[in-house]
Amino acid sequence: MNHILRRGISTSFWGWLILAALLPARLALAEKTDRVILENGDRITGEVKRLEYGKLSFKTDDMGTLSIEWDKIRSVTALVKNFRVELEDGLLFFGTLDTDSATSKLLVILDTLIVPLNRSEVVRISPIEDTFWERIDISLDLGFSFTKASGVAQLSFSGNFRYPTYWYLRELSFNSVLTDQKDQERTQRHVVNFRLTRFLGQRWIASGFTEAQQNSELGLELRLSLGGGVGRNFIQTNDALFQLSGGALINREWASNSTSESYNLESLAGLRLEKFRYDSPQLNLTTTLDVYPSLSDFGRVRLEFNNQLKWEIFKDFFWSLTLYDSYDNKPPDQDAALNDWGMTVSLGWTY
């Protein structure tokens, strides 16, 4: 009977119109059939968006999008779409979500395969069958300061776009700082980076990247880089991340106030440390350090340091304090400074 009905509709113009009219309603209904039961017994129906930094993002019709602490949840059920589930030890699982009422374990279901997981070991849950805009994570920061006594004005702008899929993470980031000072030439610092990361399992990752930089303080008109490497998350929990990485890259540099250019081959050693506090107000501390010893110009070493503290003002809006330092013991312009360091204060928004 169902087969006959589907066959009849498929050959009917009016049937197509009916399906087109009902499909959005069906999808909307499907998206809101996920369920969360809290430790106090409260039941919430909506849509599981993601788990990150110890908080489950859960979209509802009446209360908007909620951020629920992971350890305050008794059970999660999301049987409509697939998710990528990542554990502390780096193992990845794919499928829909349910909870074993007897053991309270999180069940990841793919076809007939059911994998029970300890919820305390789950550090990240990401949707992998949503639309582009539902998958993407966006973070933007804007800051401005002016001191009348010194006549110094500074504008900072930065952003980060992340797009996860089954085994890959695509990430585009940019950072700009412009400084105007009375009776002095304007200085500017710009960095644009695109990175493709492949999750290898067991907390190992491989990545390739391309980057463009400009830094007038270091006498750098433009640097274009292409490289890659591997890394490992030695600590990966709901409130902390510690990552070490290594690799190599090739770049092409143009010096300020000069037509000269050069090619350089460099190695890369990187460190990334993240610490989260998901109790309100949310607090994130991220520290990165990348060291670039040159392989083609022996003795040259570059360094990029960034430390950012983000404090939640209210939902999805943050106050940020960023300390940065760029160092080059042999800058492209021999008359330029060796260090470009500074501090920015900005307001940020995340999506």
C-alpha atoms as a PDB file:
ATOM      1  CA  MET A   1       0.000   0.000   0.000  1.00  0.00           C
ATOM      2  CA  ASN A   2       2.734   2.441   0.950  1.00  0.00           C
ATOM      3  CA  HIS A   3       4.631   1.471  -2.179  1.00  0.00           C
ATOM      4  CA  ILE A   4       1.572   2.161  -4.343  1.00  0.00           C
ATOM      5  CA  LEU A   5       1.000   5.510  -2.615  1.00  0.00           C
ATOM      6  CA  ARG A   6       4.622   6.602  -3.128  1.00  0.00           C
ATOM      7  CA  ARG A   7       4.451   5.517  -6.769  1.00  0.00           C
ATOM      8  CA  GLY A   8       1.240   7.464  -7.331  1.00  0.00           C
ATOM      9  CA  ILE A   9       2.592  10.636  -5.739  1.00  0.00           C
ATOM     10  CA  SER A  10       5.847  10.410  -7.694  1.00  0.00           C
ATOM     11  CA  THR A  11       3.906  10.617 -10.967  1.00  0.00           C
ATOM     12  CA  SER A  12       1.518  13.309  -9.829  1.00  0.00           C
ATOM     13  CA  PHE A  13       2.229  17.042 -10.159  1.00  0.00           C
ATOM     14  CA  TRP A  14      -0.072  17.755  -7.235  1.00  0.00           C
ATOM     15  CA  GLY A  15       1.688  15.082  -5.238  1.00  0.00           C
ATOM     16  CA  TRP A  16       4.990  16.909  -5.674  1.00  0.00           C
ATOM     17  CA  LEU A  17       3.370  20.138  -4.505  1.00  0.00           C
ATOM     18  CA  ILE A  18       2.013  18.411  -1.409  1.00  0.00           C
ATOM     19  CA  LEU A  19       5.412  16.913  -0.615  1.00  0.00           C
ATOM     20  CA  ALA A  20       7.111  20.275  -1.110  1.00  0.00           C
ATOM     21  CA  ALA A  21       4.624  21.912   1.248  1.00  0.00           C
ATOM     22  CA  LEU A  22       4.940  19.227   3.923  1.00  0.00           C
ATOM     23  CA  LEU A  23       8.729  18.755   3.763  1.00  0.00           C
ATOM     24  CA  PRO A  24       9.691  21.949   5.680  1.00  0.00           C
ATOM     25  CA  ALA A  25       7.173  21.119   8.405  1.00  0.00           C
ATOM     26  CA  ARG A  26       8.476  17.556   8.595  1.00  0.00           C
ATOM     27  CA  LEU A  27      12.093  18.733   8.848  1.00  0.00           C
ATOM     28  CA  ALA A  28      11.202  21.323  11.482  1.00  0.00           C
ATOM     29  CA  LEU A  29       9.407  18.664  13.490  1.00  0.00           C
ATOM     30  CA  ALA A  30      12.334  16.256  13.137  1.00  0.00           C
ATOM     31  CA  GLU A  31      14.807  18.835  14.346  1.00  0.00           C
ATOM     32  CA  LYS A  32      12.906  19.406  17.582  1.00  0.00           C
ATOM     33  CA  THR A  33      12.512  15.768  18.643  1.00  0.00           C
ATOM     34  CA  ASP A  34      15.769  15.530  20.635  1.00  0.00           C
ATOM     35  CA  ARG A  35      15.371  15.168  24.392  1.00  0.00           C
ATOM     36  CA  VAL A  36      17.484  15.956  27.426  1.00  0.00           C
ATOM     37  CA  ILE A  37      16.688  14.800  30.968  1.00  0.00           C
ATOM     38  CA  LEU A  38      18.457  16.691  33.754  1.00  0.00           C
ATOM     39  CA  GLU A  39      19.650  15.210  37.038  1.00  0.00           C
ATOM     40  CA  ASN A  40      16.696  16.846  38.827  1.00  0.00           C
ATOM     41  CA  GLY A  41      14.265  15.031  36.504  1.00  0.00           C
ATOM     42  CA  ASP A  42      13.358  17.978  34.264  1.00  0.00           C
ATOM     43  CA  ARG A  43      12.735  17.011  30.621  1.00  0.00           C
ATOM     44  CA  ILE A  44      13.535  19.391  27.769  1.00  0.00           C
ATOM     45  CA  THR A  45      12.624  18.835  24.110  1.00  0.00           C
ATOM     46  CA  GLY A  46      14.521  20.589  21.354  1.00  0.00           C
ATOM     47  CA  GLU A  47      17.606  20.100  19.175  1.00  0.00           C
ATOM     48  CA  VAL A  48      21.122  19.075  20.203  1.00  0.00           C
ATOM     49  CA  LYS A  49      23.550  21.554  18.627  1.00  0.00           C
ATOM     50  CA  ARG A  50      26.950  20.604  20.084  1.00  0.00           C
ATOM     51  CA  LEU A  51      28.956  19.782  23.208  1.00  0.00           C
ATOM     52  CA  GLU A  52      32.088  21.833  23.835  1.00  0.00           C
ATOM     53  CA  TYR A  53      33.933  23.196  26.869  1.00  0.00           C
ATOM     54  CA  GLY A  54      31.767  21.086  29.180  1.00  0.00           C
ATOM     55  CA  LYS A  55      28.472  22.605  28.008  1.00  0.00           C
ATOM     56  CA  LEU A  56      25.766  21.128  25.796  1.00  0.00           C
ATOM     57  CA  SER A  57      24.186  23.657  23.444  1.00  0.00           C
ATOM     58  CA  PHE A  58      20.482  22.748  23.158  1.00  0.00           C
ATOM     59  CA  LYS A  59      18.036  24.714  20.982  1.00  0.00           C
ATOM     60  CA  THR A  60      14.393  24.969  22.117  1.00  0.00           C
ATOM     61  CA  ASP A  61      11.315  26.695  20.704  1.00  0.00           C
ATOM     62  CA  ASP A  62      10.231  28.504  23.876  1.00  0.00           C
ATOM     63  CA  MET A  63      13.481  29.223  25.749  1.00  0.00           C
ATOM     64  CA  GLY A  64      15.909  29.821  22.888  1.00  0.00           C
ATOM     65  CA  THR A  65      19.283  28.039  22.877  1.00  0.00           C
ATOM     66  CA  LEU A  66      20.307  26.738  26.300  1.00  0.00           C
ATOM     67  CA  SER A  67      23.825  25.998  27.563  1.00  0.00           C
ATOM     68  CA  ILE A  68      23.541  23.027  29.914  1.00  0.00           C
ATOM     69  CA  GLU A  69      26.490  21.796  31.982  1.00  0.00           C
ATOM     70  CA  TRP A  70      27.347  18.285  30.818  1.00  0.00           C
ATOM     71  CA  ASP A  71      27.661  16.835  34.311  1.00  0.00           C
ATOM     72  CA  LYS A  72      24.128  18.073  35.167  1.00  0.00           C
ATOM     73  CA  ILE A  73      22.548  15.890  32.443  1.00  0.00           C
ATOM     74  CA  ARG A  74      21.117  12.443  33.174  1.00  0.00           C
ATOM     75  CA  SER A  75      20.370  11.388  29.582  1.00  0.00           C
ATOM     76  CA  VAL A  76      20.464  12.621  25.975  1.00  0.00           C
ATOM     77  CA  THR A  77      18.412  11.308  23.041  1.00  0.00           C
ATOM     78  CA  ALA A  78      19.010  12.561  19.485  1.00  0.00           C
ATOM     79  CA  LEU A  79      17.971   9.948  16.911  1.00  0.00           C
ATOM     80  CA  VAL A  80      17.352  12.068  13.796  1.00  0.00           C
ATOM     81  CA  LYS A  81      20.827  13.157  12.634  1.00  0.00           C
ATOM     82  CA  ASN A  82      24.404  11.914  13.050  1.00  0.00           C
ATOM     83  CA  PHE A  83      27.076  13.397  15.311  1.00  0.00           C
ATOM     84  CA  ARG A  84      30.825  13.084  15.723  1.00  0.00           C
ATOM     85  CA  VAL A  85      31.647  12.139  19.323  1.00  0.00           C
ATOM     86  CA  GLU A  86      35.192  12.626  20.609  1.00  0.00           C
ATOM     87  CA  LEU A  87      36.616  11.143  23.828  1.00  0.00           C
ATOM     88  CA  GLU A  88      39.426  12.270  26.112  1.00  0.00           C
ATOM     89  CA  ASP A  89      41.757   9.652  24.596  1.00  0.00           C
ATOM     90  CA  GLY A  90      41.078  10.960  21.071  1.00  0.00           C
ATOM     91  CA  LEU A  91      38.841   8.136  19.859  1.00  0.00           C
ATOM     92  CA  LEU A  92      36.113   9.234  17.430  1.00  0.00           C
ATOM     93  CA  PHE A  93      32.652   7.742  16.996  1.00  0.00           C
ATOM     94  CA  PHE A  94      29.882   8.601  14.543  1.00  0.00           C
ATOM     95  CA  GLY A  95      26.128   8.112  14.772  1.00  0.00           C
ATOM     96  CA  THR A  96      22.932   9.155  16.512  1.00  0.00           C
ATOM     97  CA  LEU A  97      22.726   9.517  20.292  1.00  0.00           C
ATOM     98  CA  ASP A  98      20.788   7.775  23.047  1.00  0.00           C
ATOM     99  CA  THR A  99      21.323   6.878  26.721  1.00  0.00           C
ATOM    100  CA  ASP A 100      21.250   3.499  28.452  1.00  0.00           C
ATOM    101  CA  SER A 101      18.817   3.992  31.341  1.00  0.00           C
ATOM    102  CA  ALA A 102      20.383   1.147  33.343  1.00  0.00           C
ATOM    103  CA  THR A 103      24.039   2.236  33.138  1.00  0.00           C
ATOM    104  CA  SER A 104      23.591   5.958  32.215  1.00  0.00           C
ATOM    105  CA  LYS A 105      26.131   5.443  29.425  1.00  0.00           C
ATOM    106  CA  LEU A 106      25.894   7.476  26.224  1.00  0.00           C
ATOM    107  CA  LEU A 107      25.022   5.250  23.264  1.00  0.00           C
ATOM    108  CA  VAL A 108      26.350   6.120  19.803  1.00  0.00           C
ATOM    109  CA  ILE A 109      24.265   4.320  17.193  1.00  0.00           C
ATOM    110  CA  LEU A 110      25.279   3.810  13.554  1.00  0.00           C
ATOM    111  CA  ASP A 111      23.024   1.392  11.647  1.00  0.00           C
ATOM    112  CA  THR A 112      23.042  -1.784  13.781  1.00  0.00           C
ATOM    113  CA  LEU A 113      26.223  -0.906  15.694  1.00  0.00           C
ATOM    114  CA  ILE A 114      25.711   0.470  19.221  1.00  0.00           C
ATOM    115  CA  VAL A 115      28.722   1.733  21.187  1.00  0.00           C
ATOM    116  CA  PRO A 116      28.295   2.551  24.919  1.00  0.00           C
ATOM    117  CA  LEU A 117      30.514   5.387  26.212  1.00  0.00           C
ATOM    118  CA  ASN A 118      31.154   6.816  29.660  1.00  0.00           C
ATOM    119  CA  ARG A 119      29.701  10.321  29.527  1.00  0.00           C
ATOM    120  CA  SER A 120      32.495  11.667  31.737  1.00  0.00           C
ATOM    121  CA  GLU A 121      35.008  10.770  28.977  1.00  0.00           C
ATOM    122  CA  VAL A 122      33.115  12.600  26.218  1.00  0.00           C
ATOM    123  CA  VAL A 123      34.722  15.999  25.514  1.00  0.00           C
ATOM    124  CA  ARG A 124      33.146  17.048  22.219  1.00  0.00           C
ATOM    125  CA  ILE A 125      29.973  16.344  20.227  1.00  0.00           C
ATOM    126  CA  SER A 126      29.589  17.969  16.792  1.00  0.00           C
ATOM    127  CA  PRO A 127      26.743  17.640  14.249  1.00  0.00           C
ATOM    128  CA  ILE A 128      27.882  16.347  10.860  1.00  0.00           C
ATOM    129  CA  GLU A 129      24.670  16.291   8.810  1.00  0.00           C
ATOM    130  CA  ASP A 130      23.424  19.848   9.228  1.00  0.00           C
ATOM    131  CA  THR A 131      23.449  22.710   6.749  1.00  0.00           C
ATOM    132  CA  PHE A 132      26.574  24.810   6.229  1.00  0.00           C
ATOM    133  CA  TRP A 133      25.413  27.575   8.586  1.00  0.00           C
ATOM    134  CA  GLU A 134      24.511  25.090  11.322  1.00  0.00           C
ATOM    135  CA  ARG A 135      27.937  23.459  11.188  1.00  0.00           C
ATOM    136  CA  ILE A 136      30.022  26.596  11.147  1.00  0.00           C
ATOM    137  CA  ASP A 137      31.384  28.266  14.305  1.00  0.00           C
ATOM    138  CA  ILE A 138      32.067  31.999  14.101  1.00  0.00           C
ATOM    139  CA  SER A 139      33.945  34.228  16.546  1.00  0.00           C
ATOM    140  CA  LEU A 140      34.514  37.974  15.967  1.00  0.00           C
ATOM    141  CA  ASP A 141      36.330  40.555  18.131  1.00  0.00           C
ATOM    142  CA  LEU A 142      36.511  44.334  17.710  1.00  0.00           C
ATOM    143  CA  GLY A 143      38.466  46.771  19.880  1.00  0.00           C
ATOM    144  CA  PHE A 144      39.396  50.470  19.871  1.00  0.00           C
ATOM    145  CA  SER A 145      41.400  52.637  22.253  1.00  0.00           C
ATOM    146  CA  PHE A 146      42.631  56.247  22.281  1.00  0.00           C
ATOM    147  CA  THR A 147      44.874  58.143  24.696  1.00  0.00           C
ATOM    148  CA  LYS A 148      44.745  61.938  24.386  1.00  0.00           C
ATOM    149  CA  ALA A 149      47.971  62.590  26.313  1.00  0.00           C
ATOM    150  CA  SER A 150      50.104  60.501  23.966  1.00  0.00           C
ATOM    151  CA  GLY A 151      47.896  60.856  20.895  1.00  0.00           C
ATOM    152  CA  VAL A 152      47.897  57.079  20.394  1.00  0.00           C
ATOM    153  CA  ALA A 153      44.878  55.436  18.754  1.00  0.00           C
ATOM    154  CA  GLN A 154      44.619  51.697  18.200  1.00  0.00           C
ATOM    155  CA  LEU A 155      42.083  49.613  16.281  1.00  0.00           C
ATOM    156  CA  SER A 156      42.032  45.820  16.488  1.00  0.00           C
ATOM    157  CA  PHE A 157      39.850  43.340  14.625  1.00  0.00           C
ATOM    158  CA  SER A 158      40.022  39.554  14.596  1.00  0.00           C
ATOM    159  CA  GLY A 159      37.873  36.620  13.571  1.00  0.00           C
ATOM    160  CA  ASN A 160      37.754  32.854  13.413  1.00  0.00           C
ATOM    161  CA  PHE A 161      35.597  30.575  11.245  1.00  0.00           C
ATOM    162  CA  ARG A 162      35.532  26.822  11.920  1.00  0.00           C
ATOM    163  CA  TYR A 163      33.801  24.189   9.752  1.00  0.00           C
ATOM    164  CA  PRO A 164      33.973  20.581  11.022  1.00  0.00           C
ATOM    165  CA  THR A 165      33.055  17.451   9.047  1.00  0.00           C
ATOM    166  CA  TYR A 166      33.541  13.717   9.715  1.00  0.00           C
ATOM    167  CA  TRP A 167      37.346  13.629   9.776  1.00  0.00           C
ATOM    168  CA  TYR A 168      38.345  17.198   8.935  1.00  0.00           C
ATOM    169  CA  LEU A 169      38.303  20.680  10.398  1.00  0.00           C
ATOM    170  CA  ARG A 170      38.577  23.699   8.109  1.00  0.00           C
ATOM    171  CA  GLU A 171      39.553  26.888   9.905  1.00  0.00           C
ATOM    172  CA  LEU A 172      39.998  30.446   8.625  1.00  0.00           C
ATOM    173  CA  SER A 173      41.360  33.083  11.023  1.00  0.00           C
ATOM    174  CA  PHE A 174      42.519  36.662  10.707  1.00  0.00           C
ATOM    175  CA  ASN A 175      43.930  39.320  13.016  1.00  0.00           C
ATOM    176  CA  SER A 176      44.608  43.013  12.393  1.00  0.00           C
ATOM    177  CA  VAL A 177      46.056  45.721  14.652  1.00  0.00           C
ATOM    178  CA  LEU A 178      46.483  49.304  13.403  1.00  0.00           C
ATOM    179  CA  THR A 179      48.203  51.925  15.565  1.00  0.00           C
ATOM    180  CA  ASP A 180      48.289  55.681  14.918  1.00  0.00           C
ATOM    181  CA  GLN A 181      50.567  57.905  17.001  1.00  0.00           C
ATOM    182  CA  LYS A 182      51.084  61.652  16.791  1.00  0.00           C
ATOM    183  CA  ASP A 183      54.090  62.677  14.696  1.00  0.00           C
ATOM    184  CA  GLN A 184      54.888  59.045  13.856  1.00  0.00           C
ATOM    185  CA  GLU A 185      54.148  56.769  10.933  1.00  0.00           C
ATOM    186  CA  ARG A 186      51.200  54.414  11.280  1.00  0.00           C
ATOM    187  CA  THR A 187      52.107  50.823  12.156  1.00  0.00           C
ATOM    188  CA  GLN A 188      50.045  47.839  11.094  1.00  0.00           C
ATOM    189  CA  ARG A 189      50.029  44.137  11.758  1.00  0.00           C
ATOM    190  CA  HIS A 190      47.887  41.726   9.697  1.00  0.00           C
ATOM    191  CA  VAL A 191      47.720  37.928   9.716  1.00  0.00           C
ATOM    192  CA  VAL A 192      45.381  35.723   7.631  1.00  0.00           C
ATOM    193  CA  ASN A 193      45.593  31.943   8.022  1.00  0.00           C
ATOM    194  CA  PHE A 194      43.715  29.000   6.514  1.00  0.00           C
ATOM    195  CA  ARG A 195      44.249  25.558   8.041  1.00  0.00           C
ATOM    196  CA  LEU A 196      42.957  22.100   7.136  1.00  0.00           C
ATOM    197  CA  THR A 197      43.184  19.569   9.980  1.00  0.00           C
ATOM    198  CA  ARG A 198      42.731  15.805   9.649  1.00  0.00           C
ATOM    199  CA  PHE A 199      41.813  13.827  12.803  1.00  0.00           C
ATOM    200  CA  LEU A 200      43.918  10.659  12.899  1.00  0.00           C
ATOM    201  CA  GLY A 201      42.647   9.130  16.137  1.00  0.00           C
ATOM    202  CA  GLN A 202      44.392   8.535  19.457  1.00  0.00           C
ATOM    203  CA  ARG A 203      44.598  12.353  19.840  1.00  0.00           C
ATOM    204  CA  TRP A 204      46.886  12.667  16.785  1.00  0.00           C
ATOM    205  CA  ILE A 205      46.212  15.238  14.080  1.00  0.00           C
ATOM    206  CA  ALA A 206      47.765  16.224  10.747  1.00  0.00           C
ATOM    207  CA  SER A 207      47.355  19.658   9.216  1.00  0.00           C
ATOM    208  CA  GLY A 208      48.292  21.798   6.254  1.00  0.00           C
ATOM    209  CA  PHE A 209      48.118  25.576   6.203  1.00  0.00           C
ATOM    210  CA  THR A 210      48.694  28.683   4.147  1.00  0.00           C
ATOM    211  CA  GLU A 211      49.269  32.124   5.659  1.00  0.00           C
ATOM    212  CA  ALA A 212      49.782  35.769   4.688  1.00  0.00           C
ATOM    213  CA  GLN A 213      51.424  38.271   7.059  1.00  0.00           C
ATOM    214  CA  GLN A 214      52.293  41.949   7.121  1.00  0.00           C
ATOM    215  CA  ASN A 215      54.119  43.672   9.980  1.00  0.00           C
ATOM    216  CA  SER A 216      55.478  47.198   9.500  1.00  0.00           C
ATOM    217  CA  GLU A 217      57.207  47.188  12.913  1.00  0.00           C
ATOM    218  CA  LEU A 218      59.396  44.260  11.812  1.00  0.00           C
ATOM    219  CA  GLY A 219      59.975  45.727   8.340  1.00  0.00           C
ATOM    220  CA  LEU A 220      57.833  43.039   6.698  1.00  0.00           C
ATOM    221  CA  GLU A 221      55.818  44.198   3.697  1.00  0.00           C
ATOM    222  CA  LEU A 222      54.436  40.706   3.006  1.00  0.00           C
ATOM    223  CA  ARG A 223      55.163  37.094   3.873  1.00  0.00           C
ATOM    224  CA  LEU A 224      53.370  34.208   2.110  1.00  0.00           C
ATOM    225  CA  SER A 225      53.755  30.784   3.742  1.00  0.00           C
ATOM    226  CA  LEU A 226      52.768  27.230   2.875  1.00  0.00           C
ATOM    227  CA  GLY A 227      53.390  24.300   5.190  1.00  0.00           C
ATOM    228  CA  GLY A 228      52.132  21.399   7.256  1.00  0.00           C
ATOM    229  CA  GLY A 229      52.874  19.063  10.121  1.00  0.00           C
ATOM    230  CA  VAL A 230      51.550  16.719  12.786  1.00  0.00           C
ATOM    231  CA  GLY A 231      50.513  17.222  16.399  1.00  0.00           C
ATOM    232  CA  ARG A 232      49.063  15.479  19.405  1.00  0.00           C
ATOM    233  CA  ASN A 233      46.715  16.495  22.197  1.00  0.00           C
ATOM    234  CA  PHE A 234      48.480  15.222  25.311  1.00  0.00           C
ATOM    235  CA  ILE A 235      45.695  16.574  27.542  1.00  0.00           C
ATOM    236  CA  GLN A 236      42.117  16.715  26.265  1.00  0.00           C
ATOM    237  CA  THR A 237      39.335  17.099  28.825  1.00  0.00           C
ATOM    238  CA  ASN A 238      36.170  19.135  29.254  1.00  0.00           C
ATOM    239  CA  ASP A 239      38.134  21.972  30.855  1.00  0.00           C
ATOM    240  CA  ALA A 240      41.665  21.784  29.421  1.00  0.00           C
ATOM    241  CA  LEU A 241      43.689  21.136  26.265  1.00  0.00           C
ATOM    242  CA  PHE A 242      47.457  20.778  25.871  1.00  0.00           C
ATOM    243  CA  GLN A 243      48.807  20.268  22.354  1.00  0.00           C
ATOM    244  CA  LEU A 244      52.310  19.965  20.898  1.00  0.00           C
ATOM    245  CA  SER A 245      53.007  20.028  17.156  1.00  0.00           C
ATOM    246  CA  GLY A 246      55.860  20.098  14.673  1.00  0.00           C
ATOM    247  CA  GLY A 247      56.308  20.583  10.957  1.00  0.00           C
ATOM    248  CA  ALA A 248      57.952  22.540   8.151  1.00  0.00           C
ATOM    249  CA  LEU A 249      57.046  25.382   5.793  1.00  0.00           C
ATOM    250  CA  ILE A 250      58.347  27.447   2.931  1.00  0.00           C
ATOM    251  CA  ASN A 251      57.744  31.176   2.647  1.00  0.00           C
ATOM    252  CA  ARG A 252      58.425  34.123   0.408  1.00  0.00           C
ATOM    253  CA  GLU A 253      59.176  37.524   1.968  1.00  0.00           C
ATOM    254  CA  TRP A 254      59.121  41.113   0.747  1.00  0.00           C
ATOM    255  CA  ALA A 255      60.877  43.728   2.906  1.00  0.00           C
ATOM    256  CA  SER A 256      59.428  47.184   3.571  1.00  0.00           C
ATOM    257  CA  ASN A 257      60.978  50.096   1.675  1.00  0.00           C
ATOM    258  CA  SER A 258      62.709  47.649  -0.632  1.00  0.00           C
ATOM    259  CA  THR A 259      62.099  45.725  -3.834  1.00  0.00           C
ATOM    260  CA  SER A 260      64.092  42.731  -2.592  1.00  0.00           C
ATOM    261  CA  GLU A 261      62.456  39.386  -1.895  1.00  0.00           C
ATOM    262  CA  SER A 262      63.640  36.061  -0.533  1.00  0.00           C
ATOM    263  CA  TYR A 263      62.591  32.437  -0.125  1.00  0.00           C
ATOM    264  CA  ASN A 264      63.022  30.667   3.192  1.00  0.00           C
ATOM    265  CA  LEU A 265      62.648  27.103   4.412  1.00  0.00           C
ATOM    266  CA  GLU A 266      61.741  26.814   8.097  1.00  0.00           C
ATOM    267  CA  SER A 267      60.927  24.164  10.661  1.00  0.00           C
ATOM    268  CA  LEU A 268      58.070  24.625  13.121  1.00  0.00           C
ATOM    269  CA  ALA A 269      57.568  23.741  16.792  1.00  0.00           C
ATOM    270  CA  GLY A 270      54.225  24.703  18.293  1.00  0.00           C
ATOM    271  CA  LEU A 271      52.519  24.675  21.677  1.00  0.00           C
ATOM    272  CA  ARG A 272      48.847  25.312  22.429  1.00  0.00           C
ATOM    273  CA  LEU A 273      47.293  25.469  25.902  1.00  0.00           C
ATOM    274  CA  GLU A 274      43.585  26.063  26.566  1.00  0.00           C
ATOM    275  CA  LYS A 275      41.817  26.267  29.907  1.00  0.00           C
ATOM    276  CA  PHE A 276      38.049  26.579  30.267  1.00  0.00           C
ATOM    277  CA  ARG A 277      35.691  27.488  33.072  1.00  0.00           C
ATOM    278  CA  TYR A 278      32.118  26.798  32.022  1.00  0.00           C
ATOM    279  CA  ASP A 279      30.410  27.963  35.203  1.00  0.00           C
ATOM    280  CA  SER A 280      28.732  31.305  34.529  1.00  0.00           C
ATOM    281  CA  PRO A 281      30.373  33.602  33.623  1.00  0.00           C
ATOM    282  CA  GLN A 282      32.247  31.445  31.121  1.00  0.00           C
ATOM    283  CA  LEU A 283      36.019  31.971  31.072  1.00  0.00           C
ATOM    284  CA  ASN A 284      38.427  30.811  28.335  1.00  0.00           C
ATOM    285  CA  LEU A 285      42.217  31.182  28.410  1.00  0.00           C
ATOM    286  CA  THR A 286      44.146  30.298  25.239  1.00  0.00           C
ATOM    287  CA  THR A 287      47.938  30.463  24.892  1.00  0.00           C
ATOM    288  CA  THR A 288      49.833  29.645  21.687  1.00  0.00           C
ATOM    289  CA  LEU A 289      53.565  29.702  20.994  1.00  0.00           C
ATOM    290  CA  ASP A 290      55.058  28.919  17.570  1.00  0.00           C
ATOM    291  CA  VAL A 291      58.830  28.861  17.019  1.00  0.00           C
ATOM    292  CA  TYR A 292      60.295  28.908  13.470  1.00  0.00           C
ATOM    293  CA  PRO A 293      64.018  28.027  13.273  1.00  0.00           C
ATOM    294  CA  SER A 294      65.223  28.678   9.716  1.00  0.00           C
ATOM    295  CA  LEU A 295      66.690  25.787   7.717  1.00  0.00           C
ATOM    296  CA  SER A 296      67.909  27.932   4.824  1.00  0.00           C
ATOM    297  CA  ASP A 297      69.283  30.907   6.814  1.00  0.00           C
ATOM    298  CA  PHE A 298      71.154  29.284   9.679  1.00  0.00           C
ATOM    299  CA  GLY A 299      70.831  31.173  12.964  1.00  0.00           C
ATOM    300  CA  ARG A 300      67.593  32.963  12.132  1.00  0.00           C
ATOM    301  CA  VAL A 301      64.684  32.290  14.504  1.00  0.00           C
ATOM    302  CA  ARG A 302      61.156  33.677  14.402  1.00  0.00           C
ATOM    303  CA  LEU A 303      58.611  33.464  17.206  1.00  0.00           C
ATOM    304  CA  GLU A 304      54.856  34.087  17.404  1.00  0.00           C
ATOM    305  CA  PHE A 305      53.219  34.302  20.852  1.00  0.00           C
ATOM    306  CA  ASN A 306      49.558  34.939  21.600  1.00  0.00           C
ATOM    307  CA  ASN A 307      47.694  34.853  24.921  1.00  0.00           C
ATOM    308  CA  GLN A 308      43.961  35.565  25.006  1.00  0.00           C
ATOM    309  CA  LEU A 309      41.575  35.722  27.955  1.00  0.00           C
ATOM    310  CA  LYS A 310      37.857  35.713  27.070  1.00  0.00           C
ATOM    311  CA  TRP A 311      35.263  36.512  29.738  1.00  0.00           C
ATOM    312  CA  GLU A 312      31.546  36.060  29.033  1.00  0.00           C
ATOM    313  CA  ILE A 313      29.529  39.267  29.557  1.00  0.00           C
ATOM    314  CA  PHE A 314      26.209  37.691  28.596  1.00  0.00           C
ATOM    315  CA  LYS A 315      25.224  34.890  26.260  1.00  0.00           C
ATOM    316  CA  ASP A 316      27.409  34.756  23.109  1.00  0.00           C
ATOM    317  CA  PHE A 317      29.159  38.079  23.915  1.00  0.00           C
ATOM    318  CA  PHE A 318      32.639  38.248  25.421  1.00  0.00           C
ATOM    319  CA  TRP A 319      35.163  40.731  26.715  1.00  0.00           C
ATOM    320  CA  SER A 320      38.679  39.824  25.530  1.00  0.00           C
ATOM    321  CA  LEU A 321      42.180  40.739  26.653  1.00  0.00           C
ATOM    322  CA  THR A 322      44.938  39.706  24.233  1.00  0.00           C
ATOM    323  CA  LEU A 323      48.721  39.871  24.646  1.00  0.00           C
ATOM    324  CA  TYR A 324      50.839  39.235  21.543  1.00  0.00           C
ATOM    325  CA  ASP A 325      54.504  39.236  20.560  1.00  0.00           C
ATOM    326  CA  SER A 326      56.153  38.713  17.172  1.00  0.00           C
ATOM    327  CA  TYR A 327      59.944  38.268  17.248  1.00  0.00           C
ATOM    328  CA  ASP A 328      62.490  37.933  14.438  1.00  0.00           C
ATOM    329  CA  ASN A 329      66.213  38.064  15.183  1.00  0.00           C
ATOM    330  CA  LYS A 330      66.914  38.746  11.465  1.00  0.00           C
ATOM    331  CA  PRO A 331      63.974  40.798  10.167  1.00  0.00           C
ATOM    332  CA  PRO A 332      63.682  41.390   6.384  1.00  0.00           C
ATOM    333  CA  ASP A 333      64.467  45.090   6.917  1.00  0.00           C
ATOM    334  CA  GLN A 334      67.775  45.359   8.789  1.00  0.00           C
ATOM    335  CA  ASP A 335      66.756  48.718  10.278  1.00  0.00           C
ATOM    336  CA  ALA A 336      63.496  47.363  11.714  1.00  0.00           C
ATOM    337  CA  ALA A 337      62.813  46.376  15.310  1.00  0.00           C
ATOM    338  CA  LEU A 338      63.280  42.782  16.442  1.00  0.00           C
ATOM    339  CA  ASN A 339      60.042  42.682  18.466  1.00  0.00           C
ATOM    340  CA  ASP A 340      56.479  43.753  17.849  1.00  0.00           C
ATOM    341  CA  TRP A 341      54.470  43.251  21.029  1.00  0.00           C
ATOM    342  CA  GLY A 342      51.293  44.751  22.388  1.00  0.00           C
ATOM    343  CA  MET A 343      47.989  44.346  24.191  1.00  0.00           C
ATOM    344  CA  THR A 344      44.439  44.724  22.867  1.00  0.00           C
ATOM    345  CA  VAL A 345      41.097  44.923  24.666  1.00  0.00           C
ATOM    346  CA  SER A 346      38.011  44.089  22.632  1.00  0.00           C
ATOM    347  CA  LEU A 347      34.396  42.988  22.648  1.00  0.00           C
ATOM    348  CA  GLY A 348      33.570  39.704  20.949  1.00  0.00           C
ATOM    349  CA  TRP A 349      30.635  37.717  19.610  1.00  0.00           C
ATOM    350  CA  THR A 350      30.358  33.988  18.915  1.00  0.00           C
ATOM    351  CA  TYR A 351      27.885  32.031  16.782  1.00  0.00           C
END
